Amino acid sequence: MSDIQIEKEQWDKLVAFLRQHPHVYVGQPRECRRFLSGVLWMMRSGAQWRLLPKRYGKWNSVYKRFSRWCDDGIWQQMHEYFADDPDMENLLFDSTTVRAHPCAAGAPAKKGGKRPKP
């Protein structure tokens, strides 16, 4: 899967939202942008966290930060904040952009395995 690029206009809006959020520490904007690109890559690819390309950082660090943001409701708040902004539609996650693992669609779990009954 190709790199996920966050456009400058989108990044400006994102970083403004993140800086005003009480539970987010942006730190180095470049690293924060890399983290968000990594999360976008994960959500769009449907891959396991361990398969996150190294250009997005250490997979476990990215996962831990992602998980903390989930626990703090940051992703939900970000979605609500940008839901009406058409320029941000490529950065919002919903069921149409998140891929499921093949076994979620009834594929056999392993070679010669039986398909789950619907």
PDB file of N, CA and C in Angstrom:
ATOM      1  N   MET A   1       0.852  -1.177   0.000  1.00  0.00           N
ATOM      2  CA  MET A   1       0.000   0.000   0.000  1.00  0.00           C
ATOM      3  C   MET A   1       0.891   1.231   0.000  1.00  0.00           C
ATOM      4  N   SER A   2       0.489   2.248  -0.714  1.00  0.00           N
ATOM      5  CA  SER A   2       1.298   3.449  -0.828  1.00  0.00           C
ATOM      6  C   SER A   2       1.247   4.292   0.444  1.00  0.00           C
ATOM      7  N   ASP A   3       2.144   5.268   0.495  1.00  0.00           N
ATOM      8  CA  ASP A   3       2.178   6.188   1.634  1.00  0.00           C
ATOM      9  C   ASP A   3       0.885   6.971   1.738  1.00  0.00           C
ATOM     10  N   ILE A   4       0.539   7.314   2.948  1.00  0.00           N
ATOM     11  CA  ILE A   4      -0.616   8.155   3.201  1.00  0.00           C
ATOM     12  C   ILE A   4      -0.090   9.566   3.427  1.00  0.00           C
ATOM     13  N   GLN A   5      -0.560  10.490   2.654  1.00  0.00           N
ATOM     14  CA  GLN A   5      -0.111  11.877   2.766  1.00  0.00           C
ATOM     15  C   GLN A   5      -1.202  12.744   3.378  1.00  0.00           C
ATOM     16  N   ILE A   6      -0.836  13.497   4.380  1.00  0.00           N
ATOM     17  CA  ILE A   6      -1.754  14.482   4.957  1.00  0.00           C
ATOM     18  C   ILE A   6      -1.387  15.819   4.335  1.00  0.00           C
ATOM     19  N   GLU A   7      -2.315  16.391   3.605  1.00  0.00           N
ATOM     20  CA  GLU A   7      -2.070  17.667   2.929  1.00  0.00           C
ATOM     21  C   GLU A   7      -1.829  18.772   3.949  1.00  0.00           C
ATOM     22  N   LYS A   8      -1.114  19.815   3.534  1.00  0.00           N
ATOM     23  CA  LYS A   8      -0.768  20.915   4.438  1.00  0.00           C
ATOM     24  C   LYS A   8      -2.005  21.573   5.045  1.00  0.00           C
ATOM     25  N   GLU A   9      -3.028  21.812   4.238  1.00  0.00           N
ATOM     26  CA  GLU A   9      -4.249  22.445   4.748  1.00  0.00           C
ATOM     27  C   GLU A   9      -4.932  21.556   5.791  1.00  0.00           C
ATOM     28  N   GLN A  10      -4.941  20.251   5.521  1.00  0.00           N
ATOM     29  CA  GLN A  10      -5.525  19.311   6.469  1.00  0.00           C
ATOM     30  C   GLN A  10      -4.704  19.260   7.756  1.00  0.00           C
ATOM     31  N   TRP A  11      -3.383  19.231   7.613  1.00  0.00           N
ATOM     32  CA  TRP A  11      -2.515  19.190   8.782  1.00  0.00           C
ATOM     33  C   TRP A  11      -2.694  20.435   9.639  1.00  0.00           C
ATOM     34  N   ASP A  12      -2.804  21.596   9.012  1.00  0.00           N
ATOM     35  CA  ASP A  12      -3.004  22.836   9.768  1.00  0.00           C
ATOM     36  C   ASP A  12      -4.269  22.757  10.616  1.00  0.00           C
ATOM     37  N   LYS A  13      -5.331  22.214  10.055  1.00  0.00           N
ATOM     38  CA  LYS A  13      -6.588  22.065  10.811  1.00  0.00           C
ATOM     39  C   LYS A  13      -6.439  21.035  11.929  1.00  0.00           C
ATOM     40  N   LEU A  14      -5.786  19.932  11.610  1.00  0.00           N
ATOM     41  CA  LEU A  14      -5.587  18.885  12.616  1.00  0.00           C
ATOM     42  C   LEU A  14      -4.755  19.370  13.788  1.00  0.00           C
ATOM     43  N   VAL A  15      -3.639  20.014  13.497  1.00  0.00           N
ATOM     44  CA  VAL A  15      -2.758  20.452  14.576  1.00  0.00           C
ATOM     45  C   VAL A  15      -3.430  21.537  15.418  1.00  0.00           C
ATOM     46  N   ALA A  16      -4.252  22.370  14.814  1.00  0.00           N
ATOM     47  CA  ALA A  16      -4.993  23.372  15.588  1.00  0.00           C
ATOM     48  C   ALA A  16      -5.967  22.685  16.546  1.00  0.00           C
ATOM     49  N   PHE A  17      -6.656  21.654  16.065  1.00  0.00           N
ATOM     50  CA  PHE A  17      -7.566  20.888  16.926  1.00  0.00           C
ATOM     51  C   PHE A  17      -6.795  20.206  18.047  1.00  0.00           C
ATOM     52  N   LEU A  18      -5.702  19.550  17.701  1.00  0.00           N
ATOM     53  CA  LEU A  18      -4.934  18.793  18.688  1.00  0.00           C
ATOM     54  C   LEU A  18      -4.319  19.689  19.751  1.00  0.00           C
ATOM     55  N   ARG A  19      -3.849  20.859  19.360  1.00  0.00           N
ATOM     56  CA  ARG A  19      -3.223  21.769  20.342  1.00  0.00           C
ATOM     57  C   ARG A  19      -4.218  22.305  21.351  1.00  0.00           C
ATOM     58  N   GLN A  20      -5.476  22.432  20.969  1.00  0.00           N
ATOM     59  CA  GLN A  20      -6.470  22.950  21.908  1.00  0.00           C
ATOM     60  C   GLN A  20      -7.070  21.844  22.769  1.00  0.00           C
ATOM     61  N   HIS A  21      -6.772  20.590  22.439  1.00  0.00           N
ATOM     62  CA  HIS A  21      -7.335  19.465  23.189  1.00  0.00           C
ATOM     63  C   HIS A  21      -6.556  19.253  24.490  1.00  0.00           C
ATOM     64  N   PRO A  22      -7.245  19.147  25.618  1.00  0.00           N
ATOM     65  CA  PRO A  22      -6.548  19.037  26.909  1.00  0.00           C
ATOM     66  C   PRO A  22      -5.793  17.723  27.121  1.00  0.00           C
ATOM     67  N   HIS A  23      -6.127  16.652  26.397  1.00  0.00           N
ATOM     68  CA  HIS A  23      -5.484  15.358  26.606  1.00  0.00           C
ATOM     69  C   HIS A  23      -4.435  15.026  25.561  1.00  0.00           C
ATOM     70  N   VAL A  24      -4.090  15.976  24.700  1.00  0.00           N
ATOM     71  CA  VAL A  24      -3.135  15.709  23.628  1.00  0.00           C
ATOM     72  C   VAL A  24      -1.899  16.563  23.807  1.00  0.00           C
ATOM     73  N   TYR A  25      -0.751  15.907  23.734  1.00  0.00           N
ATOM     74  CA  TYR A  25       0.522  16.616  23.689  1.00  0.00           C
ATOM     75  C   TYR A  25       1.065  16.426  22.278  1.00  0.00           C
ATOM     76  N   VAL A  26       1.101  17.506  21.518  1.00  0.00           N
ATOM     77  CA  VAL A  26       1.553  17.425  20.130  1.00  0.00           C
ATOM     78  C   VAL A  26       3.058  17.205  20.073  1.00  0.00           C
ATOM     79  N   GLY A  27       3.814  17.878  20.920  1.00  0.00           N
ATOM     80  CA  GLY A  27       5.267  17.740  20.900  1.00  0.00           C
ATOM     81  C   GLY A  27       5.839  18.252  19.594  1.00  0.00           C
ATOM     82  N   GLN A  28       6.695  17.447  18.976  1.00  0.00           N
ATOM     83  CA  GLN A  28       7.262  17.798  17.680  1.00  0.00           C
ATOM     84  C   GLN A  28       6.192  17.595  16.610  1.00  0.00           C
ATOM     85  N   PRO A  29       5.742  18.662  15.951  1.00  0.00           N
ATOM     86  CA  PRO A  29       4.681  18.518  14.946  1.00  0.00           C
ATOM     87  C   PRO A  29       5.008  17.484  13.861  1.00  0.00           C
ATOM     88  N   ARG A  30       6.274  17.389  13.488  1.00  0.00           N
ATOM     89  CA  ARG A  30       6.666  16.430  12.445  1.00  0.00           C
ATOM     90  C   ARG A  30       6.409  14.996  12.912  1.00  0.00           C
ATOM     91  N   GLU A  31       6.729  14.707  14.171  1.00  0.00           N
ATOM     92  CA  GLU A  31       6.508  13.366  14.720  1.00  0.00           C
ATOM     93  C   GLU A  31       5.021  13.070  14.881  1.00  0.00           C
ATOM     94  N   CYS A  32       4.263  14.075  15.273  1.00  0.00           N
ATOM     95  CA  CYS A  32       2.821  13.902  15.414  1.00  0.00           C
ATOM     96  C   CYS A  32       2.192  13.625  14.051  1.00  0.00           C
ATOM     97  N   ARG A  33       2.653  14.316  13.041  1.00  0.00           N
ATOM     98  CA  ARG A  33       2.144  14.102  11.677  1.00  0.00           C
ATOM     99  C   ARG A  33       2.495  12.695  11.194  1.00  0.00           C
ATOM    100  N   ARG A  34       3.698  12.237  11.535  1.00  0.00           N
ATOM    101  CA  ARG A  34       4.115  10.883  11.165  1.00  0.00           C
ATOM    102  C   ARG A  34       3.238   9.847  11.866  1.00  0.00           C
ATOM    103  N   PHE A  35       2.921  10.098  13.140  1.00  0.00           N
ATOM    104  CA  PHE A  35       2.041   9.204  13.894  1.00  0.00           C
ATOM    105  C   PHE A  35       0.658   9.129  13.226  1.00  0.00           C
ATOM    106  N   LEU A  36       0.080  10.284  12.906  1.00  0.00           N
ATOM    107  CA  LEU A  36      -1.244  10.300  12.283  1.00  0.00           C
ATOM    108  C   LEU A  36      -1.224   9.616  10.916  1.00  0.00           C
ATOM    109  N   SER A  37      -0.157   9.800  10.161  1.00  0.00           N
ATOM    110  CA  SER A  37      -0.035   9.116   8.872  1.00  0.00           C
ATOM    111  C   SER A  37       0.040   7.610   9.064  1.00  0.00           C
ATOM    112  N   GLY A  38       0.735   7.174  10.106  1.00  0.00           N
ATOM    113  CA  GLY A  38       0.816   5.757  10.414  1.00  0.00           C
ATOM    114  C   GLY A  38      -0.531   5.171  10.786  1.00  0.00           C
ATOM    115  N   VAL A  39      -1.301   5.904  11.561  1.00  0.00           N
ATOM    116  CA  VAL A  39      -2.637   5.437  11.936  1.00  0.00           C
ATOM    117  C   VAL A  39      -3.524   5.367  10.696  1.00  0.00           C
ATOM    118  N   LEU A  40      -3.434   6.361   9.834  1.00  0.00           N
ATOM    119  CA  LEU A  40      -4.192   6.321   8.580  1.00  0.00           C
ATOM    120  C   LEU A  40      -3.804   5.102   7.755  1.00  0.00           C
ATOM    121  N   TRP A  41      -2.509   4.824   7.681  1.00  0.00           N
ATOM    122  CA  TRP A  41      -2.055   3.664   6.928  1.00  0.00           C
ATOM    123  C   TRP A  41      -2.653   2.386   7.503  1.00  0.00           C
ATOM    124  N   MET A  42      -2.639   2.276   8.826  1.00  0.00           N
ATOM    125  CA  MET A  42      -3.182   1.088   9.490  1.00  0.00           C
ATOM    126  C   MET A  42      -4.671   0.926   9.204  1.00  0.00           C
ATOM    127  N   MET A  43      -5.420   1.993   9.343  1.00  0.00           N
ATOM    128  CA  MET A  43      -6.864   1.915   9.158  1.00  0.00           C
ATOM    129  C   MET A  43      -7.239   1.588   7.715  1.00  0.00           C
ATOM    130  N   ARG A  44      -6.489   2.117   6.786  1.00  0.00           N
ATOM    131  CA  ARG A  44      -6.805   1.883   5.372  1.00  0.00           C
ATOM    132  C   ARG A  44      -6.309   0.529   4.885  1.00  0.00           C
ATOM    133  N   SER A  45      -5.220   0.029   5.463  1.00  0.00           N
ATOM    134  CA  SER A  45      -4.658  -1.234   4.990  1.00  0.00           C
ATOM    135  C   SER A  45      -5.331  -2.442   5.629  1.00  0.00           C
ATOM    136  N   GLY A  46      -5.781  -2.292   6.867  1.00  0.00           N
ATOM    137  CA  GLY A  46      -6.353  -3.423   7.582  1.00  0.00           C
ATOM    138  C   GLY A  46      -5.296  -4.399   8.070  1.00  0.00           C
ATOM    139  N   ALA A  47      -4.034  -3.989   8.049  1.00  0.00           N
ATOM    140  CA  ALA A  47      -2.935  -4.855   8.454  1.00  0.00           C
ATOM    141  C   ALA A  47      -2.842  -4.969   9.977  1.00  0.00           C
ATOM    142  N   GLN A  48      -2.053  -5.918  10.423  1.00  0.00           N
ATOM    143  CA  GLN A  48      -1.750  -6.022  11.845  1.00  0.00           C
ATOM    144  C   GLN A  48      -0.790  -4.911  12.218  1.00  0.00           C
ATOM    145  N   TRP A  49      -0.833  -4.497  13.477  1.00  0.00           N
ATOM    146  CA  TRP A  49       0.037  -3.404  13.924  1.00  0.00           C
ATOM    147  C   TRP A  49       1.504  -3.739  13.699  1.00  0.00           C
ATOM    148  N   ARG A  50       1.879  -4.984  13.857  1.00  0.00           N
ATOM    149  CA  ARG A  50       3.285  -5.373  13.682  1.00  0.00           C
ATOM    150  C   ARG A  50       3.776  -5.167  12.249  1.00  0.00           C
ATOM    151  N   LEU A  51       2.863  -5.012  11.316  1.00  0.00           N
ATOM    152  CA  LEU A  51       3.233  -4.821   9.911  1.00  0.00           C
ATOM    153  C   LEU A  51       3.313  -3.357   9.507  1.00  0.00           C
ATOM    154  N   LEU A  52       3.172  -2.456  10.472  1.00  0.00           N
ATOM    155  CA  LEU A  52       3.282  -1.023  10.178  1.00  0.00           C
ATOM    156  C   LEU A  52       4.675  -0.722   9.637  1.00  0.00           C
ATOM    157  N   PRO A  53       4.774  -0.093   8.465  1.00  0.00           N
ATOM    158  CA  PRO A  53       6.097   0.235   7.919  1.00  0.00           C
ATOM    159  C   PRO A  53       6.907   1.107   8.875  1.00  0.00           C
ATOM    160  N   LYS A  54       8.210   0.872   8.917  1.00  0.00           N
ATOM    161  CA  LYS A  54       9.099   1.568   9.848  1.00  0.00           C
ATOM    162  C   LYS A  54       9.114   3.084   9.641  1.00  0.00           C
ATOM    163  N   ARG A  55       8.762   3.545   8.452  1.00  0.00           N
ATOM    164  CA  ARG A  55       8.779   4.988   8.188  1.00  0.00           C
ATOM    165  C   ARG A  55       7.771   5.741   9.067  1.00  0.00           C
ATOM    166  N   TYR A  56       6.814   5.011   9.667  1.00  0.00           N
ATOM    167  CA  TYR A  56       5.824   5.636  10.546  1.00  0.00           C
ATOM    168  C   TYR A  56       6.215   5.543  12.018  1.00  0.00           C
ATOM    169  N   GLY A  57       7.343   4.925  12.304  1.00  0.00           N
ATOM    170  CA  GLY A  57       7.804   4.783  13.675  1.00  0.00           C
ATOM    171  C   GLY A  57       7.693   3.351  14.143  1.00  0.00           C
ATOM    172  N   LYS A  58       8.059   3.126  15.404  1.00  0.00           N
ATOM    173  CA  LYS A  58       7.969   1.782  15.977  1.00  0.00           C
ATOM    174  C   LYS A  58       6.500   1.420  16.142  1.00  0.00           C
ATOM    175  N   TRP A  59       6.145   0.252  15.646  1.00  0.00           N
ATOM    176  CA  TRP A  59       4.732  -0.136  15.638  1.00  0.00           C
ATOM    177  C   TRP A  59       4.132  -0.114  17.035  1.00  0.00           C
ATOM    178  N   ASN A  60       4.874  -0.558  18.040  1.00  0.00           N
ATOM    179  CA  ASN A  60       4.322  -0.630  19.388  1.00  0.00           C
ATOM    180  C   ASN A  60       4.093   0.767  19.969  1.00  0.00           C
ATOM    181  N   SER A  61       4.986   1.701  19.671  1.00  0.00           N
ATOM    182  CA  SER A  61       4.822   3.073  20.142  1.00  0.00           C
ATOM    183  C   SER A  61       3.606   3.729  19.487  1.00  0.00           C
ATOM    184  N   VAL A  62       3.461   3.497  18.185  1.00  0.00           N
ATOM    185  CA  VAL A  62       2.307   4.047  17.463  1.00  0.00           C
ATOM    186  C   VAL A  62       1.023   3.446  18.013  1.00  0.00           C
ATOM    187  N   TYR A  63       1.038   2.123  18.251  1.00  0.00           N
ATOM    188  CA  TYR A  63      -0.152   1.462  18.784  1.00  0.00           C
ATOM    189  C   TYR A  63      -0.507   1.980  20.171  1.00  0.00           C
ATOM    190  N   LYS A  64       0.481   2.125  21.041  1.00  0.00           N
ATOM    191  CA  LYS A  64       0.205   2.598  22.407  1.00  0.00           C
ATOM    192  C   LYS A  64      -0.405   3.999  22.386  1.00  0.00           C
ATOM    193  N   ARG A  65       0.131   4.874  21.555  1.00  0.00           N
ATOM    194  CA  ARG A  65      -0.419   6.235  21.464  1.00  0.00           C
ATOM    195  C   ARG A  65      -1.834   6.200  20.897  1.00  0.00           C
ATOM    196  N   PHE A  66      -2.029   5.387  19.850  1.00  0.00           N
ATOM    197  CA  PHE A  66      -3.355   5.221  19.265  1.00  0.00           C
ATOM    198  C   PHE A  66      -4.343   4.740  20.331  1.00  0.00           C
ATOM    199  N   SER A  67      -3.928   3.751  21.106  1.00  0.00           N
ATOM    200  CA  SER A  67      -4.781   3.184  22.141  1.00  0.00           C
ATOM    201  C   SER A  67      -5.121   4.216  23.228  1.00  0.00           C
ATOM    202  N   ARG A  68      -4.142   5.002  23.633  1.00  0.00           N
ATOM    203  CA  ARG A  68      -4.397   6.064  24.632  1.00  0.00           C
ATOM    204  C   ARG A  68      -5.412   7.061  24.098  1.00  0.00           C
ATOM    205  N   TRP A  69      -5.271   7.420  22.831  1.00  0.00           N
ATOM    206  CA  TRP A  69      -6.214   8.364  22.229  1.00  0.00           C
ATOM    207  C   TRP A  69      -7.606   7.753  22.160  1.00  0.00           C
ATOM    208  N   CYS A  70      -7.680   6.439  21.935  1.00  0.00           N
ATOM    209  CA  CYS A  70      -8.985   5.760  21.959  1.00  0.00           C
ATOM    210  C   CYS A  70      -9.597   5.858  23.348  1.00  0.00           C
ATOM    211  N   ASP A  71      -8.815   5.527  24.352  1.00  0.00           N
ATOM    212  CA  ASP A  71      -9.297   5.547  25.736  1.00  0.00           C
ATOM    213  C   ASP A  71      -9.746   6.940  26.166  1.00  0.00           C
ATOM    214  N   ASP A  72      -9.066   7.964  25.672  1.00  0.00           N
ATOM    215  CA  ASP A  72      -9.403   9.350  26.033  1.00  0.00           C
ATOM    216  C   ASP A  72     -10.502   9.942  25.159  1.00  0.00           C
ATOM    217  N   GLY A  73     -10.963   9.192  24.162  1.00  0.00           N
ATOM    218  CA  GLY A  73     -12.039   9.663  23.294  1.00  0.00           C
ATOM    219  C   GLY A  73     -11.606  10.700  22.272  1.00  0.00           C
ATOM    220  N   ILE A  74     -10.324  10.800  22.034  1.00  0.00           N
ATOM    221  CA  ILE A  74      -9.801  11.826  21.121  1.00  0.00           C
ATOM    222  C   ILE A  74     -10.249  11.565  19.690  1.00  0.00           C
ATOM    223  N   TRP A  75     -10.216  10.304  19.250  1.00  0.00           N
ATOM    224  CA  TRP A  75     -10.635   9.997  17.877  1.00  0.00           C
ATOM    225  C   TRP A  75     -12.110  10.351  17.663  1.00  0.00           C
ATOM    226  N   GLN A  76     -12.943  10.021  18.635  1.00  0.00           N
ATOM    227  CA  GLN A  76     -14.374  10.327  18.535  1.00  0.00           C
ATOM    228  C   GLN A  76     -14.596  11.837  18.476  1.00  0.00           C
ATOM    229  N   GLN A  77     -13.895  12.564  19.340  1.00  0.00           N
ATOM    230  CA  GLN A  77     -14.038  14.020  19.355  1.00  0.00           C
ATOM    231  C   GLN A  77     -13.523  14.637  18.062  1.00  0.00           C
ATOM    232  N   MET A  78     -12.438  14.087  17.534  1.00  0.00           N
ATOM    233  CA  MET A  78     -11.908  14.577  16.264  1.00  0.00           C
ATOM    234  C   MET A  78     -12.915  14.337  15.141  1.00  0.00           C
ATOM    235  N   HIS A  79     -13.521  13.170  15.151  1.00  0.00           N
ATOM    236  CA  HIS A  79     -14.521  12.842  14.128  1.00  0.00           C
ATOM    237  C   HIS A  79     -15.705  13.811  14.205  1.00  0.00           C
ATOM    238  N   GLU A  80     -16.187  14.063  15.398  1.00  0.00           N
ATOM    239  CA  GLU A  80     -17.314  14.983  15.571  1.00  0.00           C
ATOM    240  C   GLU A  80     -16.939  16.407  15.162  1.00  0.00           C
ATOM    241  N   TYR A  81     -15.715  16.809  15.486  1.00  0.00           N
ATOM    242  CA  TYR A  81     -15.258  18.170  15.182  1.00  0.00           C
ATOM    243  C   TYR A  81     -15.153  18.402  13.671  1.00  0.00           C
ATOM    244  N   PHE A  82     -14.668  17.402  12.943  1.00  0.00           N
ATOM    245  CA  PHE A  82     -14.429  17.564  11.509  1.00  0.00           C
ATOM    246  C   PHE A  82     -15.515  16.949  10.623  1.00  0.00           C
ATOM    247  N   ALA A  83     -16.561  16.413  11.200  1.00  0.00           N
ATOM    248  CA  ALA A  83     -17.583  15.700  10.429  1.00  0.00           C
ATOM    249  C   ALA A  83     -18.215  16.545   9.318  1.00  0.00           C
ATOM    250  N   ASP A  84     -18.382  17.827   9.533  1.00  0.00           N
ATOM    251  CA  ASP A  84     -19.030  18.682   8.537  1.00  0.00           C
ATOM    252  C   ASP A  84     -18.044  19.400   7.624  1.00  0.00           C
ATOM    253  N   ASP A  85     -16.763  19.095   7.745  1.00  0.00           N
ATOM    254  CA  ASP A  85     -15.734  19.748   6.937  1.00  0.00           C
ATOM    255  C   ASP A  85     -15.382  18.852   5.751  1.00  0.00           C
ATOM    256  N   PRO A  86     -15.819  19.207   4.536  1.00  0.00           N
ATOM    257  CA  PRO A  86     -15.571  18.344   3.374  1.00  0.00           C
ATOM    258  C   PRO A  86     -14.085  18.183   3.049  1.00  0.00           C
ATOM    259  N   ASP A  87     -13.250  19.111   3.476  1.00  0.00           N
ATOM    260  CA  ASP A  87     -11.818  18.990   3.217  1.00  0.00           C
ATOM    261  C   ASP A  87     -11.163  17.900   4.056  1.00  0.00           C
ATOM    262  N   MET A  88     -11.853  17.452   5.095  1.00  0.00           N
ATOM    263  CA  MET A  88     -11.271  16.466   6.005  1.00  0.00           C
ATOM    264  C   MET A  88     -11.831  15.062   5.788  1.00  0.00           C
ATOM    265  N   GLU A  89     -12.652  14.868   4.775  1.00  0.00           N
ATOM    266  CA  GLU A  89     -13.318  13.579   4.598  1.00  0.00           C
ATOM    267  C   GLU A  89     -12.345  12.424   4.397  1.00  0.00           C
ATOM    268  N   ASN A  90     -11.170  12.670   3.842  1.00  0.00           N
ATOM    269  CA  ASN A  90     -10.204  11.596   3.620  1.00  0.00           C
ATOM    270  C   ASN A  90      -9.458  11.198   4.881  1.00  0.00           C
ATOM    271  N   LEU A  91      -9.607  11.969   5.948  1.00  0.00           N
ATOM    272  CA  LEU A  91      -8.902  11.668   7.182  1.00  0.00           C
ATOM    273  C   LEU A  91      -9.794  11.069   8.252  1.00  0.00           C
ATOM    274  N   LEU A  92     -11.102  11.034   8.014  1.00  0.00           N
ATOM    275  CA  LEU A  92     -12.018  10.498   9.008  1.00  0.00           C
ATOM    276  C   LEU A  92     -12.192   9.006   8.787  1.00  0.00           C
ATOM    277  N   PHE A  93     -12.175   8.257   9.878  1.00  0.00           N
ATOM    278  CA  PHE A  93     -12.325   6.807   9.797  1.00  0.00           C
ATOM    279  C   PHE A  93     -13.766   6.440  10.041  1.00  0.00           C
ATOM    280  N   ASP A  94     -14.279   5.571   9.212  1.00  0.00           N
ATOM    281  CA  ASP A  94     -15.588   4.980   9.469  1.00  0.00           C
ATOM    282  C   ASP A  94     -15.559   3.582   8.866  1.00  0.00           C
ATOM    283  N   SER A  95     -16.669   2.914   8.882  1.00  0.00           N
ATOM    284  CA  SER A  95     -16.686   1.524   8.428  1.00  0.00           C
ATOM    285  C   SER A  95     -16.390   1.375   6.937  1.00  0.00           C
ATOM    286  N   THR A  96     -16.457   2.449   6.161  1.00  0.00           N
ATOM    287  CA  THR A  96     -16.163   2.323   4.737  1.00  0.00           C
ATOM    288  C   THR A  96     -14.673   2.399   4.454  1.00  0.00           C
ATOM    289  N   THR A  97     -13.866   2.898   5.397  1.00  0.00           N
ATOM    290  CA  THR A  97     -12.425   2.987   5.174  1.00  0.00           C
ATOM    291  C   THR A  97     -11.636   1.953   5.945  1.00  0.00           C
ATOM    292  N   VAL A  98     -12.236   1.315   6.925  1.00  0.00           N
ATOM    293  CA  VAL A  98     -11.530   0.324   7.723  1.00  0.00           C
ATOM    294  C   VAL A  98     -11.782  -1.048   7.124  1.00  0.00           C
ATOM    295  N   ARG A  99     -10.715  -1.748   6.804  1.00  0.00           N
ATOM    296  CA  ARG A  99     -10.833  -3.065   6.191  1.00  0.00           C
ATOM    297  C   ARG A  99     -10.869  -4.138   7.269  1.00  0.00           C
ATOM    298  N   ALA A 100     -11.664  -5.137   7.023  1.00  0.00           N
ATOM    299  CA  ALA A 100     -11.746  -6.272   7.948  1.00  0.00           C
ATOM    300  C   ALA A 100     -10.818  -7.383   7.461  1.00  0.00           C
ATOM    301  N   HIS A 101     -10.376  -8.195   8.379  1.00  0.00           N
ATOM    302  CA  HIS A 101      -9.570  -9.357   8.034  1.00  0.00           C
ATOM    303  C   HIS A 101     -10.457 -10.331   7.251  1.00  0.00           C
ATOM    304  N   PRO A 102      -9.901 -11.080   6.286  1.00  0.00           N
ATOM    305  CA  PRO A 102     -10.723 -11.987   5.476  1.00  0.00           C
ATOM    306  C   PRO A 102     -11.585 -12.954   6.287  1.00  0.00           C
ATOM    307  N   CYS A 103     -11.092 -13.402   7.451  1.00  0.00           N
ATOM    308  CA  CYS A 103     -11.887 -14.358   8.225  1.00  0.00           C
ATOM    309  C   CYS A 103     -13.158 -13.703   8.772  1.00  0.00           C
ATOM    310  N   ALA A 104     -13.189 -12.373   8.850  1.00  0.00           N
ATOM    311  CA  ALA A 104     -14.393 -11.680   9.310  1.00  0.00           C
ATOM    312  C   ALA A 104     -15.512 -11.789   8.278  1.00  0.00           C
ATOM    313  N   ALA A 105     -15.144 -12.083   7.030  1.00  0.00           N
ATOM    314  CA  ALA A 105     -16.135 -12.216   5.961  1.00  0.00           C
ATOM    315  C   ALA A 105     -16.467 -13.675   5.678  1.00  0.00           C
ATOM    316  N   GLY A 106     -15.994 -14.588   6.533  1.00  0.00           N
ATOM    317  CA  GLY A 106     -16.328 -15.993   6.370  1.00  0.00           C
ATOM    318  C   GLY A 106     -15.269 -16.827   5.687  1.00  0.00           C
ATOM    319  N   ALA A 107     -14.093 -16.265   5.439  1.00  0.00           N
ATOM    320  CA  ALA A 107     -13.018 -17.047   4.826  1.00  0.00           C
ATOM    321  C   ALA A 107     -12.539 -18.099   5.822  1.00  0.00           C
ATOM    322  N   PRO A 108     -12.051 -19.229   5.317  1.00  0.00           N
ATOM    323  CA  PRO A 108     -11.563 -20.258   6.235  1.00  0.00           C
ATOM    324  C   PRO A 108     -10.416 -19.725   7.089  1.00  0.00           C
ATOM    325  N   ALA A 109     -10.367 -20.159   8.326  1.00  0.00           N
ATOM    326  CA  ALA A 109      -9.338 -19.696   9.247  1.00  0.00           C
ATOM    327  C   ALA A 109      -7.962 -20.218   8.855  1.00  0.00           C
ATOM    328  N   LYS A 110      -7.879 -21.441   8.357  1.00  0.00           N
ATOM    329  CA  LYS A 110      -6.621 -21.991   7.885  1.00  0.00           C
ATOM    330  C   LYS A 110      -6.900 -22.968   6.752  1.00  0.00           C
ATOM    331  N   LYS A 111      -5.868 -23.366   6.097  1.00  0.00           N
ATOM    332  CA  LYS A 111      -6.010 -24.253   4.953  1.00  0.00           C
ATOM    333  C   LYS A 111      -6.782 -25.505   5.350  1.00  0.00           C
ATOM    334  N   GLY A 112      -7.814 -25.795   4.589  1.00  0.00           N
ATOM    335  CA  GLY A 112      -8.607 -26.976   4.867  1.00  0.00           C
ATOM    336  C   GLY A 112      -9.596 -26.803   6.005  1.00  0.00           C
ATOM    337  N   GLY A 113      -9.618 -25.621   6.601  1.00  0.00           N
ATOM    338  CA  GLY A 113     -10.533 -25.374   7.704  1.00  0.00           C
ATOM    339  C   GLY A 113     -11.956 -25.182   7.218  1.00  0.00           C
ATOM    340  N   LYS A 114     -12.879 -25.305   8.124  1.00  0.00           N
ATOM    341  CA  LYS A 114     -14.288 -25.131   7.759  1.00  0.00           C
ATOM    342  C   LYS A 114     -14.666 -23.665   7.883  1.00  0.00           C
ATOM    343  N   ARG A 115     -15.560 -23.258   7.022  1.00  0.00           N
ATOM    344  CA  ARG A 115     -16.086 -21.888   7.097  1.00  0.00           C
ATOM    345  C   ARG A 115     -17.057 -21.794   8.253  1.00  0.00           C
ATOM    346  N   PRO A 116     -17.038 -20.664   8.950  1.00  0.00           N
ATOM    347  CA  PRO A 116     -18.029 -20.490  10.014  1.00  0.00           C
ATOM    348  C   PRO A 116     -19.431 -20.382   9.434  1.00  0.00           C
ATOM    349  N   LYS A 117     -20.382 -20.909  10.168  1.00  0.00           N
ATOM    350  CA  LYS A 117     -21.767 -20.829   9.711  1.00  0.00           C
ATOM    351  C   LYS A 117     -22.330 -19.445   9.981  1.00  0.00           C
ATOM    352  N   PRO A 118     -23.126 -18.906   9.039  1.00  0.00           N
ATOM    353  CA  PRO A 118     -23.686 -17.570   9.230  1.00  0.00           C
ATOM    354  C   PRO A 118     -24.713 -17.517  10.343  1.00  0.00           C
TER     355      PRO A 118
END
